Amino acid sequence: MFNQAYAGPQKFSSKKLFGHKADQSITLFCGPDPADTDRVLIRKIVQVNTNTYAYEETRINRATGTSLPSIHKTITKIHGFDLKEQLSN
């Protein structure tokens, strides 16, 4: 879907795109968007603060002509959720 052979200067990085470090999130889904197969859908659980988590959904549209790919991101806070909670059997 995207050109992986590009060897020019890197203008974008995952840190700039997603806005947080990789160890502060868990990717739930990454692949073609079921609503439109021409887009990429990324779903994550993101640690916003020490005990605060959010659900992040990012849609990336393919570049058309001379325009850059467009990115649409929504973040929703999850109330009462702790990703590192220890559960017993």
N, C-alpha and C. Protein backbone atom coordinates (compact mmCIF):
# COMPACT_ATOMS: atom_id res chain seq x y z
N MET A 1 0.82 -1.19 0.00
CA MET A 1 0.00 0.00 0.00
C MET A 1 0.87 1.26 0.00
N PHE A 2 1.89 1.31 0.86
CA PHE A 2 2.76 2.46 0.92
C PHE A 2 4.13 2.07 0.37
N ASN A 3 4.83 3.04 -0.16
CA ASN A 3 6.14 2.80 -0.75
C ASN A 3 7.17 2.66 0.36
N GLN A 4 7.69 1.47 0.55
CA GLN A 4 8.69 1.20 1.59
C GLN A 4 10.11 1.37 1.07
N ALA A 5 10.30 1.59 -0.23
CA ALA A 5 11.63 1.68 -0.82
C ALA A 5 12.14 3.11 -0.88
N TYR A 6 11.42 4.05 -0.32
CA TYR A 6 11.83 5.45 -0.35
C TYR A 6 13.10 5.65 0.46
N ALA A 7 14.15 6.22 -0.15
CA ALA A 7 15.43 6.37 0.53
C ALA A 7 15.78 7.83 0.79
N GLY A 8 14.85 8.75 0.55
CA GLY A 8 15.12 10.17 0.77
C GLY A 8 15.08 10.54 2.24
N PRO A 9 15.18 11.83 2.53
CA PRO A 9 15.17 12.27 3.93
C PRO A 9 13.85 11.92 4.61
N GLN A 10 13.93 11.45 5.84
CA GLN A 10 12.75 11.04 6.59
C GLN A 10 12.13 12.25 7.27
N LYS A 11 10.95 12.67 6.83
CA LYS A 11 10.26 13.81 7.41
C LYS A 11 9.33 13.39 8.54
N PHE A 12 8.91 12.13 8.53
CA PHE A 12 7.96 11.67 9.52
C PHE A 12 8.55 10.50 10.31
N SER A 13 8.17 10.40 11.55
CA SER A 13 8.55 9.25 12.36
C SER A 13 7.33 8.80 13.14
N SER A 14 7.35 7.58 13.65
CA SER A 14 6.19 7.09 14.40
C SER A 14 5.98 7.91 15.67
N LYS A 15 7.07 8.44 16.24
CA LYS A 15 6.93 9.26 17.44
C LYS A 15 6.17 10.55 17.13
N LYS A 16 6.47 11.17 15.96
CA LYS A 16 5.74 12.37 15.56
C LYS A 16 4.30 12.04 15.17
N LEU A 17 4.11 10.92 14.51
CA LEU A 17 2.78 10.54 14.04
C LEU A 17 1.85 10.19 15.18
N PHE A 18 2.31 9.41 16.14
CA PHE A 18 1.43 8.95 17.20
C PHE A 18 1.57 9.75 18.49
N GLY A 19 2.61 10.56 18.64
CA GLY A 19 2.72 11.49 19.75
C GLY A 19 3.09 10.90 21.10
N HIS A 20 3.62 9.68 21.16
CA HIS A 20 4.01 9.09 22.43
C HIS A 20 5.05 8.00 22.19
N LYS A 21 5.69 7.57 23.25
CA LYS A 21 6.69 6.52 23.14
C LYS A 21 6.03 5.17 22.92
N ALA A 22 6.74 4.25 22.33
CA ALA A 22 6.18 2.93 22.01
C ALA A 22 5.87 2.12 23.26
N ASP A 23 6.61 2.33 24.37
CA ASP A 23 6.36 1.54 25.57
C ASP A 23 5.16 2.03 26.35
N GLN A 24 4.51 3.09 25.91
CA GLN A 24 3.34 3.63 26.59
C GLN A 24 2.05 3.26 25.87
N SER A 25 2.09 2.31 24.96
CA SER A 25 0.89 1.94 24.22
C SER A 25 0.93 0.46 23.84
N ILE A 26 -0.25 -0.07 23.56
CA ILE A 26 -0.40 -1.44 23.06
C ILE A 26 -1.26 -1.37 21.81
N THR A 27 -0.77 -1.90 20.71
CA THR A 27 -1.51 -1.91 19.46
C THR A 27 -2.52 -3.05 19.48
N LEU A 28 -3.79 -2.72 19.30
CA LEU A 28 -4.85 -3.72 19.25
C LEU A 28 -5.07 -4.23 17.84
N PHE A 29 -4.99 -3.32 16.86
CA PHE A 29 -5.23 -3.69 15.46
C PHE A 29 -4.47 -2.73 14.57
N CYS A 30 -3.88 -3.26 13.52
CA CYS A 30 -3.22 -2.44 12.50
C CYS A 30 -3.39 -3.16 11.17
N GLY A 31 -4.12 -2.53 10.26
CA GLY A 31 -4.36 -3.16 8.97
C GLY A 31 -5.33 -2.36 8.14
N PRO A 32 -5.86 -2.95 7.08
CA PRO A 32 -6.81 -2.24 6.23
C PRO A 32 -8.09 -1.91 7.00
N ASP A 33 -8.62 -0.73 6.76
CA ASP A 33 -9.85 -0.30 7.41
C ASP A 33 -11.03 -1.10 6.83
N PRO A 34 -11.83 -1.76 7.68
CA PRO A 34 -12.97 -2.53 7.17
C PRO A 34 -13.99 -1.67 6.44
N ALA A 35 -14.09 -0.40 6.80
CA ALA A 35 -15.05 0.50 6.14
C ALA A 35 -14.58 0.93 4.76
N ASP A 36 -13.27 1.03 4.55
CA ASP A 36 -12.71 1.47 3.28
C ASP A 36 -11.33 0.83 3.15
N THR A 37 -11.16 -0.12 2.27
CA THR A 37 -9.90 -0.86 2.15
C THR A 37 -8.77 -0.02 1.57
N ASP A 38 -9.07 1.21 1.15
CA ASP A 38 -8.05 2.11 0.64
C ASP A 38 -7.38 2.89 1.78
N ARG A 39 -7.81 2.67 3.02
CA ARG A 39 -7.24 3.34 4.19
C ARG A 39 -6.60 2.32 5.11
N VAL A 40 -5.72 2.83 6.00
CA VAL A 40 -5.12 2.01 7.05
C VAL A 40 -5.76 2.40 8.37
N LEU A 41 -6.10 1.41 9.20
CA LEU A 41 -6.70 1.65 10.50
C LEU A 41 -5.77 1.12 11.58
N ILE A 42 -5.49 1.96 12.59
CA ILE A 42 -4.65 1.57 13.71
C ILE A 42 -5.42 1.84 14.99
N ARG A 43 -5.60 0.81 15.82
CA ARG A 43 -6.30 0.95 17.10
C ARG A 43 -5.33 0.62 18.22
N LYS A 44 -5.28 1.50 19.25
CA LYS A 44 -4.33 1.34 20.34
C LYS A 44 -4.96 1.68 21.67
N ILE A 45 -4.36 1.13 22.73
CA ILE A 45 -4.59 1.59 24.10
C ILE A 45 -3.34 2.38 24.46
N VAL A 46 -3.52 3.65 24.87
CA VAL A 46 -2.41 4.56 25.13
C VAL A 46 -2.42 4.97 26.59
N GLN A 47 -1.25 4.96 27.23
CA GLN A 47 -1.14 5.45 28.59
C GLN A 47 -0.89 6.96 28.51
N VAL A 48 -1.87 7.73 28.97
CA VAL A 48 -1.79 9.18 28.90
C VAL A 48 -1.05 9.75 30.11
N ASN A 49 -1.32 9.19 31.27
CA ASN A 49 -0.73 9.64 32.52
C ASN A 49 -0.39 8.39 33.34
N THR A 50 0.02 8.56 34.58
CA THR A 50 0.41 7.42 35.41
C THR A 50 -0.70 6.37 35.52
N ASN A 51 -1.92 6.78 35.82
CA ASN A 51 -3.05 5.85 35.97
C ASN A 51 -4.19 6.16 35.01
N THR A 52 -3.91 6.83 33.91
CA THR A 52 -4.94 7.22 32.95
C THR A 52 -4.63 6.61 31.59
N TYR A 53 -5.64 5.96 31.00
CA TYR A 53 -5.48 5.32 29.70
C TYR A 53 -6.53 5.85 28.73
N ALA A 54 -6.24 5.74 27.45
CA ALA A 54 -7.16 6.20 26.41
C ALA A 54 -7.14 5.22 25.24
N TYR A 55 -8.24 5.22 24.50
CA TYR A 55 -8.38 4.42 23.28
C TYR A 55 -8.10 5.35 22.11
N GLU A 56 -7.15 4.97 21.27
CA GLU A 56 -6.76 5.81 20.14
C GLU A 56 -7.08 5.09 18.84
N GLU A 57 -7.72 5.78 17.92
CA GLU A 57 -8.04 5.22 16.61
C GLU A 57 -7.50 6.17 15.55
N THR A 58 -6.63 5.67 14.69
CA THR A 58 -6.00 6.48 13.65
C THR A 58 -6.34 5.89 12.29
N ARG A 59 -6.79 6.77 11.37
CA ARG A 59 -7.05 6.37 9.99
C ARG A 59 -6.13 7.17 9.08
N ILE A 60 -5.42 6.45 8.21
CA ILE A 60 -4.49 7.09 7.28
C ILE A 60 -4.98 6.83 5.87
N ASN A 61 -5.27 7.92 5.14
CA ASN A 61 -5.71 7.82 3.75
C ASN A 61 -4.51 7.86 2.83
N ARG A 62 -4.62 7.19 1.72
CA ARG A 62 -3.55 7.14 0.72
C ARG A 62 -3.37 8.53 0.09
N ALA A 63 -2.14 8.85 -0.27
CA ALA A 63 -1.86 10.11 -0.95
C ALA A 63 -2.49 10.08 -2.34
N THR A 64 -3.06 11.20 -2.75
CA THR A 64 -3.67 11.29 -4.08
C THR A 64 -2.94 12.36 -4.88
N GLY A 65 -2.44 12.00 -6.03
CA GLY A 65 -1.76 12.97 -6.89
C GLY A 65 -0.52 13.52 -6.21
N THR A 66 -0.50 14.83 -6.03
CA THR A 66 0.65 15.49 -5.41
C THR A 66 0.43 15.77 -3.94
N SER A 67 -0.74 15.42 -3.39
CA SER A 67 -1.02 15.70 -1.98
C SER A 67 -0.40 14.62 -1.08
N LEU A 68 -0.18 14.97 0.17
CA LEU A 68 0.35 14.04 1.15
C LEU A 68 -0.78 13.18 1.71
N PRO A 69 -0.46 12.05 2.32
CA PRO A 69 -1.50 11.24 2.96
C PRO A 69 -2.17 12.04 4.08
N SER A 70 -3.47 11.85 4.26
CA SER A 70 -4.17 12.54 5.35
C SER A 70 -4.34 11.58 6.52
N ILE A 71 -4.24 12.14 7.72
CA ILE A 71 -4.32 11.36 8.94
C ILE A 71 -5.43 11.91 9.81
N HIS A 72 -6.31 11.02 10.28
CA HIS A 72 -7.39 11.42 11.18
C HIS A 72 -7.27 10.57 12.44
N LYS A 73 -7.15 11.22 13.59
CA LYS A 73 -6.93 10.52 14.84
C LYS A 73 -7.99 10.94 15.86
N THR A 74 -8.56 9.95 16.57
CA THR A 74 -9.46 10.23 17.68
C THR A 74 -8.94 9.52 18.92
N ILE A 75 -9.00 10.23 20.05
CA ILE A 75 -8.56 9.67 21.32
C ILE A 75 -9.70 9.82 22.32
N THR A 76 -10.07 8.71 22.96
CA THR A 76 -11.15 8.70 23.94
C THR A 76 -10.62 8.15 25.25
N LYS A 77 -10.81 8.91 26.33
CA LYS A 77 -10.34 8.49 27.65
C LYS A 77 -11.15 7.28 28.12
N ILE A 78 -10.46 6.30 28.72
CA ILE A 78 -11.12 5.11 29.26
C ILE A 78 -11.18 5.28 30.78
N HIS A 79 -12.37 5.35 31.33
CA HIS A 79 -12.56 5.55 32.76
C HIS A 79 -12.46 4.22 33.51
N GLY A 80 -11.72 4.21 34.62
CA GLY A 80 -11.64 3.02 35.47
C GLY A 80 -10.90 1.85 34.85
N PHE A 81 -9.91 2.10 34.02
CA PHE A 81 -9.17 1.05 33.32
C PHE A 81 -7.71 1.11 33.75
N ASP A 82 -7.13 -0.04 34.10
CA ASP A 82 -5.72 -0.11 34.44
C ASP A 82 -5.10 -1.26 33.67
N LEU A 83 -4.27 -0.95 32.71
CA LEU A 83 -3.66 -1.96 31.84
C LEU A 83 -2.72 -2.88 32.61
N LYS A 84 -2.11 -2.38 33.69
CA LYS A 84 -1.14 -3.14 34.45
C LYS A 84 -1.75 -3.78 35.70
N GLU A 85 -3.06 -3.87 35.74
CA GLU A 85 -3.74 -4.45 36.91
C GLU A 85 -3.41 -5.94 37.02
N GLN A 86 -3.07 -6.39 38.22
CA GLN A 86 -2.78 -7.80 38.47
C GLN A 86 -4.08 -8.52 38.79
N LEU A 87 -4.38 -9.56 38.04
CA LEU A 87 -5.61 -10.34 38.25
C LEU A 87 -5.25 -11.71 38.81
N SER A 88 -6.09 -12.18 39.70
CA SER A 88 -5.86 -13.51 40.25
C SER A 88 -6.72 -14.54 39.50
N ASN A 89 -6.37 -15.81 39.63
CA ASN A 89 -7.13 -16.87 38.97
C ASN A 89 -8.39 -17.04 39.71
